[in-house]
Amino acid sequence: MKKWSWLISFCLILLLSSGSTCFGQSPKFKILAMAEPGGHHIAYSKRAKIWLDSLALKSNFTIDYIDNTNPINAAYLDQYQLIIQLDYVPYGWNPAAIAAFENYINEGKGGWIGFHHATLLGEFDGYKIWPWFSDFMGGIRYKNYIADFAAATVKIEQPKHPVMQGVPASFLVEKEEWYTYDKSPRPNVEVLASVDESSYSPDSKIKMGDHPVIWSNPKMKARNVYIFMGHSPVLFESEAYKTLFQNAIFWAAGQ
């Protein structure tokens, strides 16, 4: 038993430090995960990293993590089959990173999954809105959010989509900020799920009406999916959320 325990520990260290896998296997694909270095979403990002590293070990892929866009250029992104934007904002990127990312998505060089902060689109921290990214997300602009949080029910609209396989028709999100936008992205994207605003607990006056929370933009060559829910680490106690996240990884990476 001690022998196998030692081997598993060794494999985990080897995988996370060098990108290698055990028993001579090459990783199936490589992911770049972007997460902010601080702020009030850091607890979610830290919990996501634990879950992602465990999934990577089990499913034979590797992940590199960055907390700023300085390393990103076209050559750098060529290493990766998938980008995961974990609570990383769409502003303040350096010009080389912007150009490389737009090309990566436009040309379908890999897949993309965005969470939560990826739709913080507007004028923030002295930066102007990124028009291309706004179009990517359905032409939307951030408007408001439920600052004191609310639980709510998410309802699946496209149960046959690969990202939704094994996800129940509806599931509870126990704690979320629920952004609203200047308009629904629905006319410009494929909506996979929306939040039932009548289920907010406690109730809130901050509502959109038609309120998509998971969608994909089929106009882009890259496989892509945006998942709004990504504020609290409690999400990783939800089997529905973890199934959704895992499905999104393998679908967007083309597996």
C-alpha atoms as a PDB file:
ATOM      1  CA  MET A   1       0.000   0.000   0.000  1.00  0.00           C
ATOM      2  CA  LYS A   2       2.843   2.376   0.873  1.00  0.00           C
ATOM      3  CA  LYS A   3       4.425   1.645  -2.503  1.00  0.00           C
ATOM      4  CA  TRP A   4       1.311   2.686  -4.407  1.00  0.00           C
ATOM      5  CA  SER A   5       0.792   5.727  -2.190  1.00  0.00           C
ATOM      6  CA  TRP A   6       4.326   6.848  -2.943  1.00  0.00           C
ATOM      7  CA  LEU A   7       3.833   6.266  -6.677  1.00  0.00           C
ATOM      8  CA  ILE A   8       0.613   8.254  -6.797  1.00  0.00           C
ATOM      9  CA  SER A   9       2.240  11.141  -4.929  1.00  0.00           C
ATOM     10  CA  PHE A  10       5.220  11.022  -7.260  1.00  0.00           C
ATOM     11  CA  CYS A  11       2.982  11.073 -10.334  1.00  0.00           C
ATOM     12  CA  LEU A  12       1.042  14.059  -9.010  1.00  0.00           C
ATOM     13  CA  ILE A  13       4.237  16.025  -8.360  1.00  0.00           C
ATOM     14  CA  LEU A  14       5.602  15.090 -11.775  1.00  0.00           C
ATOM     15  CA  LEU A  15       2.412  16.064 -13.560  1.00  0.00           C
ATOM     16  CA  LEU A  16       1.992  19.431 -11.874  1.00  0.00           C
ATOM     17  CA  SER A  17       5.637  20.453 -12.063  1.00  0.00           C
ATOM     18  CA  SER A  18       6.700  19.301 -15.506  1.00  0.00           C
ATOM     19  CA  GLY A  19       3.577  18.524 -17.530  1.00  0.00           C
ATOM     20  CA  SER A  20       4.587  14.830 -17.717  1.00  0.00           C
ATOM     21  CA  THR A  21       2.266  11.948 -16.945  1.00  0.00           C
ATOM     22  CA  CYS A  22       2.870   8.598 -15.349  1.00  0.00           C
ATOM     23  CA  PHE A  23       3.704   5.341 -17.062  1.00  0.00           C
ATOM     24  CA  GLY A  24       5.102   7.116 -20.132  1.00  0.00           C
ATOM     25  CA  GLN A  25       1.769   8.510 -21.335  1.00  0.00           C
ATOM     26  CA  SER A  26       1.739  11.838 -23.143  1.00  0.00           C
ATOM     27  CA  PRO A  27      -0.954  14.321 -22.054  1.00  0.00           C
ATOM     28  CA  LYS A  28      -4.008  14.386 -24.304  1.00  0.00           C
ATOM     29  CA  PHE A  29      -4.101  18.172 -24.398  1.00  0.00           C
ATOM     30  CA  LYS A  30      -2.804  21.271 -22.651  1.00  0.00           C
ATOM     31  CA  ILE A  31      -4.824  24.044 -20.991  1.00  0.00           C
ATOM     32  CA  LEU A  32      -3.979  27.639 -20.145  1.00  0.00           C
ATOM     33  CA  ALA A  33      -5.976  28.881 -17.130  1.00  0.00           C
ATOM     34  CA  MET A  34      -6.138  32.597 -16.353  1.00  0.00           C
ATOM     35  CA  ALA A  35      -7.037  33.702 -12.825  1.00  0.00           C
ATOM     36  CA  GLU A  36      -6.740  37.046 -11.096  1.00  0.00           C
ATOM     37  CA  PRO A  37      -4.079  37.219  -8.353  1.00  0.00           C
ATOM     38  CA  GLY A  38      -6.378  38.715  -5.704  1.00  0.00           C
ATOM     39  CA  GLY A  39      -9.761  40.295  -5.093  1.00  0.00           C
ATOM     40  CA  HIS A  40     -12.967  38.815  -3.729  1.00  0.00           C
ATOM     41  CA  HIS A  41     -13.104  36.027  -6.340  1.00  0.00           C
ATOM     42  CA  ILE A  42      -9.798  34.523  -5.255  1.00  0.00           C
ATOM     43  CA  ALA A  43     -11.474  31.866  -3.080  1.00  0.00           C
ATOM     44  CA  TYR A  44     -13.349  30.567  -6.136  1.00  0.00           C
ATOM     45  CA  SER A  45     -10.181  30.491  -8.249  1.00  0.00           C
ATOM     46  CA  LYS A  46      -8.213  28.651  -5.564  1.00  0.00           C
ATOM     47  CA  ARG A  47     -10.938  26.031  -5.231  1.00  0.00           C
ATOM     48  CA  ALA A  48     -11.196  25.728  -9.003  1.00  0.00           C
ATOM     49  CA  LYS A  49      -7.451  25.052  -9.213  1.00  0.00           C
ATOM     50  CA  ILE A  50      -7.716  22.164  -6.748  1.00  0.00           C
ATOM     51  CA  TRP A  51     -10.579  20.659  -8.741  1.00  0.00           C
ATOM     52  CA  LEU A  52      -8.886  21.233 -12.104  1.00  0.00           C
ATOM     53  CA  ASP A  53      -5.596  19.711 -10.969  1.00  0.00           C
ATOM     54  CA  SER A  54      -7.420  16.626  -9.724  1.00  0.00           C
ATOM     55  CA  LEU A  55      -9.335  16.287 -13.010  1.00  0.00           C
ATOM     56  CA  ALA A  56      -6.130  16.789 -15.004  1.00  0.00           C
ATOM     57  CA  LEU A  57      -4.410  13.953 -13.157  1.00  0.00           C
ATOM     58  CA  LYS A  58      -7.392  11.653 -13.599  1.00  0.00           C
ATOM     59  CA  SER A  59      -8.036  12.523 -17.252  1.00  0.00           C
ATOM     60  CA  ASN A  60      -4.459  12.912 -18.519  1.00  0.00           C
ATOM     61  CA  PHE A  61      -4.196  16.567 -19.489  1.00  0.00           C
ATOM     62  CA  THR A  62      -2.000  19.381 -18.170  1.00  0.00           C
ATOM     63  CA  ILE A  63      -2.694  22.951 -17.030  1.00  0.00           C
ATOM     64  CA  ASP A  64      -0.549  26.066 -16.795  1.00  0.00           C
ATOM     65  CA  TYR A  65      -1.800  28.967 -14.652  1.00  0.00           C
ATOM     66  CA  ILE A  66      -1.130  32.671 -15.173  1.00  0.00           C
ATOM     67  CA  ASP A  67      -2.405  35.736 -13.295  1.00  0.00           C
ATOM     68  CA  ASN A  68      -1.595  38.421 -15.899  1.00  0.00           C
ATOM     69  CA  THR A  69      -1.457  38.649 -19.680  1.00  0.00           C
ATOM     70  CA  ASN A  70       2.246  39.512 -19.994  1.00  0.00           C
ATOM     71  CA  PRO A  71       3.316  36.085 -21.317  1.00  0.00           C
ATOM     72  CA  ILE A  72       0.613  35.943 -23.992  1.00  0.00           C
ATOM     73  CA  ASN A  73       1.464  36.245 -27.664  1.00  0.00           C
ATOM     74  CA  ALA A  74       0.695  34.106 -30.707  1.00  0.00           C
ATOM     75  CA  ALA A  75       3.568  31.683 -30.149  1.00  0.00           C
ATOM     76  CA  TYR A  76       2.679  31.280 -26.490  1.00  0.00           C
ATOM     77  CA  LEU A  77      -0.963  30.403 -27.231  1.00  0.00           C
ATOM     78  CA  ASP A  78       0.099  27.874 -29.876  1.00  0.00           C
ATOM     79  CA  GLN A  79       0.997  25.528 -26.984  1.00  0.00           C
ATOM     80  CA  TYR A  80      -2.587  25.256 -25.796  1.00  0.00           C
ATOM     81  CA  GLN A  81      -5.700  23.489 -27.029  1.00  0.00           C
ATOM     82  CA  LEU A  82      -7.926  25.324 -24.535  1.00  0.00           C
ATOM     83  CA  ILE A  83      -7.992  28.618 -22.641  1.00  0.00           C
ATOM     84  CA  ILE A  84     -10.002  28.822 -19.413  1.00  0.00           C
ATOM     85  CA  GLN A  85     -10.686  32.385 -18.299  1.00  0.00           C
ATOM     86  CA  LEU A  86     -11.328  31.859 -14.577  1.00  0.00           C
ATOM     87  CA  ASP A  87     -12.655  35.138 -13.232  1.00  0.00           C
ATOM     88  CA  TYR A  88     -10.260  37.121 -15.391  1.00  0.00           C
ATOM     89  CA  VAL A  89     -11.521  40.466 -16.646  1.00  0.00           C
ATOM     90  CA  PRO A  90     -11.716  41.477 -20.333  1.00  0.00           C
ATOM     91  CA  TYR A  91      -9.726  44.699 -19.890  1.00  0.00           C
ATOM     92  CA  GLY A  92      -6.191  45.745 -19.025  1.00  0.00           C
ATOM     93  CA  TRP A  93      -4.655  43.158 -21.375  1.00  0.00           C
ATOM     94  CA  ASN A  94      -1.442  44.116 -23.119  1.00  0.00           C
ATOM     95  CA  PRO A  95      -1.728  44.744 -26.901  1.00  0.00           C
ATOM     96  CA  ALA A  96       0.161  41.586 -27.908  1.00  0.00           C
ATOM     97  CA  ALA A  97      -2.161  39.469 -25.756  1.00  0.00           C
ATOM     98  CA  ILE A  98      -5.261  41.108 -27.239  1.00  0.00           C
ATOM     99  CA  ALA A  99      -4.117  40.440 -30.808  1.00  0.00           C
ATOM    100  CA  ALA A 100      -3.078  36.861 -30.046  1.00  0.00           C
ATOM    101  CA  PHE A 101      -6.293  36.047 -28.210  1.00  0.00           C
ATOM    102  CA  GLU A 102      -8.543  37.485 -30.920  1.00  0.00           C
ATOM    103  CA  ASN A 103      -6.672  35.489 -33.564  1.00  0.00           C
ATOM    104  CA  TYR A 104      -6.812  32.328 -31.448  1.00  0.00           C
ATOM    105  CA  ILE A 105     -10.613  32.571 -31.215  1.00  0.00           C
ATOM    106  CA  ASN A 106     -11.280  33.910 -34.716  1.00  0.00           C
ATOM    107  CA  GLU A 107      -9.163  31.208 -36.365  1.00  0.00           C
ATOM    108  CA  GLY A 108     -10.232  28.363 -34.093  1.00  0.00           C
ATOM    109  CA  LYS A 109      -6.739  27.526 -32.931  1.00  0.00           C
ATOM    110  CA  GLY A 110      -8.175  26.115 -29.717  1.00  0.00           C
ATOM    111  CA  GLY A 111     -11.200  26.312 -27.473  1.00  0.00           C
ATOM    112  CA  TRP A 112     -12.271  28.770 -24.773  1.00  0.00           C
ATOM    113  CA  ILE A 113     -14.303  28.651 -21.568  1.00  0.00           C
ATOM    114  CA  GLY A 114     -15.036  31.892 -19.741  1.00  0.00           C
ATOM    115  CA  PHE A 115     -16.450  32.310 -16.258  1.00  0.00           C
ATOM    116  CA  HIS A 116     -18.134  35.115 -14.359  1.00  0.00           C
ATOM    117  CA  HIS A 117     -15.749  38.105 -14.620  1.00  0.00           C
ATOM    118  CA  ALA A 118     -15.272  37.490 -18.363  1.00  0.00           C
ATOM    119  CA  THR A 119     -18.447  39.542 -19.003  1.00  0.00           C
ATOM    120  CA  LEU A 120     -17.391  42.529 -16.880  1.00  0.00           C
ATOM    121  CA  LEU A 121     -17.604  44.602 -20.053  1.00  0.00           C
ATOM    122  CA  GLY A 122     -17.578  48.371 -19.811  1.00  0.00           C
ATOM    123  CA  GLU A 123     -15.297  51.123 -18.556  1.00  0.00           C
ATOM    124  CA  PHE A 124     -13.454  49.864 -15.465  1.00  0.00           C
ATOM    125  CA  ASP A 125     -10.262  50.890 -13.664  1.00  0.00           C
ATOM    126  CA  GLY A 126      -9.553  53.514 -16.308  1.00  0.00           C
ATOM    127  CA  TYR A 127      -9.827  51.080 -19.234  1.00  0.00           C
ATOM    128  CA  LYS A 128     -12.271  51.374 -22.127  1.00  0.00           C
ATOM    129  CA  ILE A 129     -14.497  48.510 -23.212  1.00  0.00           C
ATOM    130  CA  TRP A 130     -12.908  45.901 -25.509  1.00  0.00           C
ATOM    131  CA  PRO A 131     -15.301  46.024 -28.501  1.00  0.00           C
ATOM    132  CA  TRP A 132     -14.218  42.686 -29.985  1.00  0.00           C
ATOM    133  CA  PHE A 133     -14.765  40.906 -26.667  1.00  0.00           C
ATOM    134  CA  SER A 134     -18.153  42.525 -26.237  1.00  0.00           C
ATOM    135  CA  ASP A 135     -19.148  41.223 -29.683  1.00  0.00           C
ATOM    136  CA  PHE A 136     -17.743  37.799 -28.763  1.00  0.00           C
ATOM    137  CA  MET A 137     -20.060  37.750 -25.756  1.00  0.00           C
ATOM    138  CA  GLY A 138     -23.108  38.703 -27.827  1.00  0.00           C
ATOM    139  CA  GLY A 139     -22.742  42.468 -28.027  1.00  0.00           C
ATOM    140  CA  ILE A 140     -23.441  43.048 -24.348  1.00  0.00           C
ATOM    141  CA  ARG A 141     -22.267  45.552 -21.762  1.00  0.00           C
ATOM    142  CA  TYR A 142     -22.281  44.988 -17.997  1.00  0.00           C
ATOM    143  CA  LYS A 143     -25.033  46.965 -16.238  1.00  0.00           C
ATOM    144  CA  ASN A 144     -25.517  45.874 -12.605  1.00  0.00           C
ATOM    145  CA  TYR A 145     -25.264  42.979 -10.148  1.00  0.00           C
ATOM    146  CA  ILE A 146     -26.801  41.636  -6.960  1.00  0.00           C
ATOM    147  CA  ALA A 147     -24.162  42.804  -4.505  1.00  0.00           C
ATOM    148  CA  ASP A 148     -25.675  41.023  -1.498  1.00  0.00           C
ATOM    149  CA  PHE A 149     -25.982  37.725  -3.422  1.00  0.00           C
ATOM    150  CA  ALA A 150     -28.920  35.453  -4.075  1.00  0.00           C
ATOM    151  CA  ALA A 151     -29.601  31.763  -4.523  1.00  0.00           C
ATOM    152  CA  ALA A 152     -31.423  30.901  -7.738  1.00  0.00           C
ATOM    153  CA  THR A 153     -32.403  28.097 -10.090  1.00  0.00           C
ATOM    154  CA  VAL A 154     -30.639  27.707 -13.437  1.00  0.00           C
ATOM    155  CA  LYS A 155     -32.745  26.116 -16.179  1.00  0.00           C
ATOM    156  CA  ILE A 156     -31.184  24.264 -19.098  1.00  0.00           C
ATOM    157  CA  GLU A 157     -32.461  25.300 -22.530  1.00  0.00           C
ATOM    158  CA  GLN A 158     -30.348  23.046 -24.765  1.00  0.00           C
ATOM    159  CA  PRO A 159     -30.206  19.648 -23.015  1.00  0.00           C
ATOM    160  CA  LYS A 160     -28.799  17.914 -26.117  1.00  0.00           C
ATOM    161  CA  HIS A 161     -25.735  20.150 -26.293  1.00  0.00           C
ATOM    162  CA  PRO A 162     -22.543  18.221 -25.342  1.00  0.00           C
ATOM    163  CA  VAL A 163     -21.852  20.662 -22.498  1.00  0.00           C
ATOM    164  CA  MET A 164     -25.181  19.700 -20.899  1.00  0.00           C
ATOM    165  CA  GLN A 165     -24.846  15.916 -20.967  1.00  0.00           C
ATOM    166  CA  GLY A 166     -25.653  14.536 -17.525  1.00  0.00           C
ATOM    167  CA  VAL A 167     -26.661  17.960 -16.187  1.00  0.00           C
ATOM    168  CA  PRO A 168     -30.180  18.011 -14.678  1.00  0.00           C
ATOM    169  CA  ALA A 169     -32.881  20.079 -16.365  1.00  0.00           C
ATOM    170  CA  SER A 170     -32.558  22.605 -13.562  1.00  0.00           C
ATOM    171  CA  PHE A 171     -30.207  23.018 -10.621  1.00  0.00           C
ATOM    172  CA  LEU A 172     -29.786  25.330  -7.664  1.00  0.00           C
ATOM    173  CA  VAL A 173     -26.923  27.811  -7.377  1.00  0.00           C
ATOM    174  CA  GLU A 174     -26.654  28.624  -3.687  1.00  0.00           C
ATOM    175  CA  LYS A 175     -24.719  31.912  -3.831  1.00  0.00           C
ATOM    176  CA  GLU A 176     -24.139  34.211  -6.781  1.00  0.00           C
ATOM    177  CA  GLU A 177     -23.944  37.879  -7.765  1.00  0.00           C
ATOM    178  CA  TRP A 178     -26.098  37.521 -10.923  1.00  0.00           C
ATOM    179  CA  TYR A 179     -24.853  40.186 -13.320  1.00  0.00           C
ATOM    180  CA  THR A 180     -27.307  42.027 -15.522  1.00  0.00           C
ATOM    181  CA  TYR A 181     -26.418  43.473 -18.920  1.00  0.00           C
ATOM    182  CA  ASP A 182     -27.695  46.312 -21.069  1.00  0.00           C
ATOM    183  CA  LYS A 183     -29.508  43.720 -23.200  1.00  0.00           C
ATOM    184  CA  SER A 184     -29.871  39.975 -23.536  1.00  0.00           C
ATOM    185  CA  PRO A 185     -27.155  38.340 -25.668  1.00  0.00           C
ATOM    186  CA  ARG A 186     -29.735  35.857 -26.990  1.00  0.00           C
ATOM    187  CA  PRO A 187     -30.104  37.301 -30.539  1.00  0.00           C
ATOM    188  CA  ASN A 188     -26.355  36.928 -31.114  1.00  0.00           C
ATOM    189  CA  VAL A 189     -25.447  33.679 -29.340  1.00  0.00           C
ATOM    190  CA  GLU A 190     -26.736  30.158 -28.685  1.00  0.00           C
ATOM    191  CA  VAL A 191     -28.206  30.231 -25.192  1.00  0.00           C
ATOM    192  CA  LEU A 192     -27.692  26.957 -23.311  1.00  0.00           C
ATOM    193  CA  ALA A 193     -29.183  27.952 -19.957  1.00  0.00           C
ATOM    194  CA  SER A 194     -30.795  30.892 -18.175  1.00  0.00           C
ATOM    195  CA  VAL A 195     -31.523  31.846 -14.594  1.00  0.00           C
ATOM    196  CA  ASP A 196     -35.102  31.856 -13.318  1.00  0.00           C
ATOM    197  CA  GLU A 197     -35.231  35.328 -11.773  1.00  0.00           C
ATOM    198  CA  SER A 198     -38.470  34.472  -9.972  1.00  0.00           C
ATOM    199  CA  SER A 199     -36.469  31.960  -7.901  1.00  0.00           C
ATOM    200  CA  TYR A 200     -34.091  34.555  -6.415  1.00  0.00           C
ATOM    201  CA  SER A 201     -33.732  34.038  -2.674  1.00  0.00           C
ATOM    202  CA  PRO A 202     -33.801  36.603  -1.239  1.00  0.00           C
ATOM    203  CA  ASP A 203     -35.713  38.358  -3.994  1.00  0.00           C
ATOM    204  CA  SER A 204     -34.086  41.269  -5.801  1.00  0.00           C
ATOM    205  CA  LYS A 205     -35.268  44.147  -7.961  1.00  0.00           C
ATOM    206  CA  ILE A 206     -32.109  43.774 -10.089  1.00  0.00           C
ATOM    207  CA  LYS A 207     -33.504  41.711 -12.946  1.00  0.00           C
ATOM    208  CA  MET A 208     -33.212  41.483 -16.739  1.00  0.00           C
ATOM    209  CA  GLY A 209     -36.297  39.540 -17.755  1.00  0.00           C
ATOM    210  CA  ASP A 210     -34.652  37.254 -20.314  1.00  0.00           C
ATOM    211  CA  HIS A 211     -31.476  36.370 -18.426  1.00  0.00           C
ATOM    212  CA  PRO A 212     -29.101  33.879 -20.114  1.00  0.00           C
ATOM    213  CA  VAL A 213     -26.240  32.633 -17.931  1.00  0.00           C
ATOM    214  CA  ILE A 214     -24.617  29.973 -20.156  1.00  0.00           C
ATOM    215  CA  TRP A 215     -24.096  30.483 -23.854  1.00  0.00           C
ATOM    216  CA  SER A 216     -21.874  29.843 -26.862  1.00  0.00           C
ATOM    217  CA  ASN A 217     -21.080  32.030 -29.873  1.00  0.00           C
ATOM    218  CA  PRO A 218     -21.292  29.786 -32.954  1.00  0.00           C
ATOM    219  CA  LYS A 219     -20.040  32.571 -35.213  1.00  0.00           C
ATOM    220  CA  MET A 220     -16.518  32.010 -33.935  1.00  0.00           C
ATOM    221  CA  LYS A 221     -14.346  29.201 -35.290  1.00  0.00           C
ATOM    222  CA  ALA A 222     -13.178  28.322 -31.780  1.00  0.00           C
ATOM    223  CA  ARG A 223     -15.437  26.151 -29.678  1.00  0.00           C
ATOM    224  CA  ASN A 224     -16.466  28.440 -26.858  1.00  0.00           C
ATOM    225  CA  VAL A 225     -18.783  28.567 -23.888  1.00  0.00           C
ATOM    226  CA  TYR A 226     -19.402  31.243 -21.290  1.00  0.00           C
ATOM    227  CA  ILE A 227     -20.612  30.138 -17.847  1.00  0.00           C
ATOM    228  CA  PHE A 228     -21.651  33.063 -15.677  1.00  0.00           C
ATOM    229  CA  MET A 229     -21.593  31.254 -12.324  1.00  0.00           C
ATOM    230  CA  GLY A 230     -18.131  31.605 -10.813  1.00  0.00           C
ATOM    231  CA  HIS A 231     -18.099  33.686  -7.663  1.00  0.00           C
ATOM    232  CA  SER A 232     -18.195  31.329  -4.705  1.00  0.00           C
ATOM    233  CA  PRO A 233     -16.174  28.161  -4.005  1.00  0.00           C
ATOM    234  CA  VAL A 234     -19.425  26.577  -2.805  1.00  0.00           C
ATOM    235  CA  LEU A 235     -20.121  25.892  -6.491  1.00  0.00           C
ATOM    236  CA  PHE A 236     -17.704  22.965  -6.297  1.00  0.00           C
ATOM    237  CA  GLU A 237     -20.060  21.257  -3.871  1.00  0.00           C
ATOM    238  CA  SER A 238     -22.603  21.021  -6.710  1.00  0.00           C
ATOM    239  CA  GLU A 239     -22.444  17.868  -8.835  1.00  0.00           C
ATOM    240  CA  ALA A 240     -24.385  19.643 -11.597  1.00  0.00           C
ATOM    241  CA  TYR A 241     -21.839  22.469 -11.727  1.00  0.00           C
ATOM    242  CA  LYS A 242     -18.855  20.116 -11.759  1.00  0.00           C
ATOM    243  CA  THR A 243     -20.441  18.024 -14.519  1.00  0.00           C
ATOM    244  CA  LEU A 244     -21.095  21.175 -16.531  1.00  0.00           C
ATOM    245  CA  PHE A 245     -17.514  22.374 -16.046  1.00  0.00           C
ATOM    246  CA  GLN A 246     -16.020  19.002 -16.971  1.00  0.00           C
ATOM    247  CA  ASN A 247     -18.207  18.673 -20.070  1.00  0.00           C
ATOM    248  CA  ALA A 248     -17.204  22.158 -21.165  1.00  0.00           C
ATOM    249  CA  ILE A 249     -13.507  21.311 -20.880  1.00  0.00           C
ATOM    250  CA  PHE A 250     -13.653  18.219 -23.069  1.00  0.00           C
ATOM    251  CA  TRP A 251     -16.048  19.724 -25.602  1.00  0.00           C
ATOM    252  CA  ALA A 252     -14.147  23.013 -25.996  1.00  0.00           C
ATOM    253  CA  ALA A 253     -10.827  21.148 -26.226  1.00  0.00           C
ATOM    254  CA  GLY A 254     -12.260  18.998 -29.017  1.00  0.00           C
ATOM    255  CA  GLN A 255     -12.035  15.747 -27.073  1.00  0.00           C
END
